[in-house]
Amino acid sequence: MTSRPVLYKITFLSQGKSIELYAREVASSGLWGFVEVAGLEFAPAGEGLVVDPTEERLREEFGGTRRLHLPMHAVVRVEEVERRGTCRIRDAATGEKVIPLPLPGNRPGGA
């Protein structure tokens, strides 16, 4: 019987937003009061025809991160899941999905 790699969905609060990421490792950090998250998973770049701006924004922010140390009080939930879903950013107060605006200088048309 082959075991499938473990995958976790981590929901945490940051700057008034609720962020959902997927990772391969979650543990108590060596830093007291923090949760250590490693092996962040994102959809492969260019997969499919539709580009998800939320996924791209999170990939830009966390793509090069080896280990993420989150304050324990900021972690809302850690779930072990069967497969990776869509990474999300929501408003922490209302729960509404936040659609990231393009960063200055990254506008279509090159201007």
Protein backbone atom coordinates (compact mmCIF):
# COMPACT_ATOMS: atom_id res chain seq x y z
CA MET A 1 0.00 0.00 0.00
CA THR A 2 1.52 3.31 -1.08
CA SER A 3 0.91 6.30 1.10
CA ARG A 4 0.16 9.66 -0.45
CA PRO A 5 2.19 12.67 0.64
CA VAL A 6 0.51 14.70 3.37
CA LEU A 7 -0.90 18.07 2.35
CA TYR A 8 -2.16 20.77 4.69
CA LYS A 9 -4.41 23.78 4.14
CA ILE A 10 -3.35 26.62 6.45
CA THR A 11 -5.64 29.58 7.13
CA PHE A 12 -4.07 32.55 8.89
CA LEU A 13 -4.67 36.27 9.45
CA SER A 14 -2.33 38.92 8.08
CA GLN A 15 -2.90 42.68 7.76
CA GLY A 16 -6.70 42.43 7.97
CA LYS A 17 -6.87 39.56 5.48
CA SER A 18 -7.54 35.85 5.90
CA ILE A 19 -5.07 33.91 3.73
CA GLU A 20 -5.35 30.23 2.72
CA LEU A 21 -2.18 28.46 1.58
CA TYR A 22 -1.27 24.81 0.99
CA ALA A 23 1.90 23.23 2.36
CA ARG A 24 3.60 19.86 2.81
CA GLU A 25 4.87 20.46 6.37
CA VAL A 26 3.38 22.12 9.46
CA ALA A 27 5.05 21.95 12.88
CA SER A 28 5.77 23.83 16.07
CA SER A 29 8.51 26.31 15.32
CA GLY A 30 11.83 26.51 17.13
CA LEU A 31 10.80 30.12 17.74
CA TRP A 32 8.55 30.19 20.79
CA GLY A 33 4.94 31.12 19.93
CA PHE A 34 5.20 30.45 16.21
CA VAL A 35 3.95 27.76 13.81
CA GLU A 36 6.41 26.65 11.11
CA VAL A 37 5.05 26.03 7.60
CA ALA A 38 7.26 24.60 4.83
CA GLY A 39 6.89 23.21 1.33
CA LEU A 40 4.33 25.73 0.10
CA GLU A 41 2.31 24.46 -2.87
CA PHE A 42 1.03 26.63 -5.72
CA ALA A 43 -0.58 25.74 -9.04
CA PRO A 44 2.07 25.37 -11.74
CA ALA A 45 2.63 28.69 -13.53
CA GLY A 46 0.73 28.91 -16.78
CA GLU A 47 -1.54 25.94 -15.99
CA GLY A 48 -4.78 26.33 -17.97
CA LEU A 49 -5.97 29.38 -19.90
CA VAL A 50 -7.32 31.42 -16.99
CA VAL A 51 -4.85 33.15 -14.69
CA ASP A 52 -6.03 33.48 -11.10
CA PRO A 53 -4.84 36.89 -9.82
CA THR A 54 -5.07 35.74 -6.20
CA GLU A 55 -2.84 32.72 -6.82
CA GLU A 56 -0.36 34.88 -8.72
CA ARG A 57 -0.26 37.48 -5.92
CA LEU A 58 0.40 34.82 -3.29
CA ARG A 59 3.05 33.18 -5.50
CA GLU A 60 4.80 36.58 -5.82
CA GLU A 61 4.71 37.12 -2.06
CA PHE A 62 5.52 33.60 -0.81
CA GLY A 63 7.00 31.80 -3.88
CA GLY A 64 10.63 31.92 -2.73
CA THR A 65 9.86 31.16 0.91
CA ARG A 66 11.51 28.03 2.32
CA ARG A 67 9.95 28.21 5.79
CA LEU A 68 7.19 30.49 6.97
CA HIS A 69 6.97 31.20 10.71
CA LEU A 70 3.46 32.36 11.60
CA PRO A 71 2.54 33.78 15.01
CA MET A 72 0.45 31.15 16.80
CA HIS A 73 -2.34 33.66 17.49
CA ALA A 74 -2.63 34.45 13.73
CA VAL A 75 -3.29 30.82 12.70
CA VAL A 76 -7.03 30.21 12.34
CA ARG A 77 -7.00 26.61 11.14
CA VAL A 78 -4.76 23.81 9.89
CA GLU A 79 -6.47 21.05 7.90
CA GLU A 80 -5.04 17.86 6.42
CA VAL A 81 -6.57 17.62 2.93
CA GLU A 82 -6.70 15.08 0.10
CA ARG A 83 -5.73 17.49 -2.68
CA ARG A 84 -4.73 21.09 -3.23
CA GLY A 85 -7.47 23.61 -3.84
CA THR A 86 -7.30 27.27 -4.75
CA CYS A 87 -5.25 29.60 -2.58
CA ARG A 88 -7.43 32.45 -1.34
CA ILE A 89 -7.30 35.90 0.18
CA ARG A 90 -10.42 37.05 2.04
CA ASP A 91 -11.29 40.10 4.07
CA ALA A 92 -10.91 38.99 7.70
CA ALA A 93 -13.93 40.99 8.91
CA THR A 94 -16.49 40.12 6.22
CA GLY A 95 -15.13 36.90 4.70
CA GLU A 96 -15.57 38.32 1.20
CA LYS A 97 -13.04 37.30 -1.43
CA VAL A 98 -10.39 39.94 -2.09
CA ILE A 99 -9.31 40.36 -5.68
CA PRO A 100 -5.77 41.73 -5.75
CA LEU A 101 -5.27 44.79 -7.91
CA PRO A 102 -2.36 44.77 -10.33
CA LEU A 103 0.80 46.27 -8.88
CA PRO A 104 1.93 49.62 -10.37
CA GLY A 105 4.06 49.05 -13.43
CA ASN A 106 2.48 45.63 -14.12
CA ARG A 107 -0.44 46.96 -16.16
CA PRO A 108 -1.46 45.27 -19.41
CA GLY A 109 -0.07 47.10 -22.41
CA GLY A 110 3.30 47.75 -20.80
CA ALA A 111 2.60 51.35 -19.69
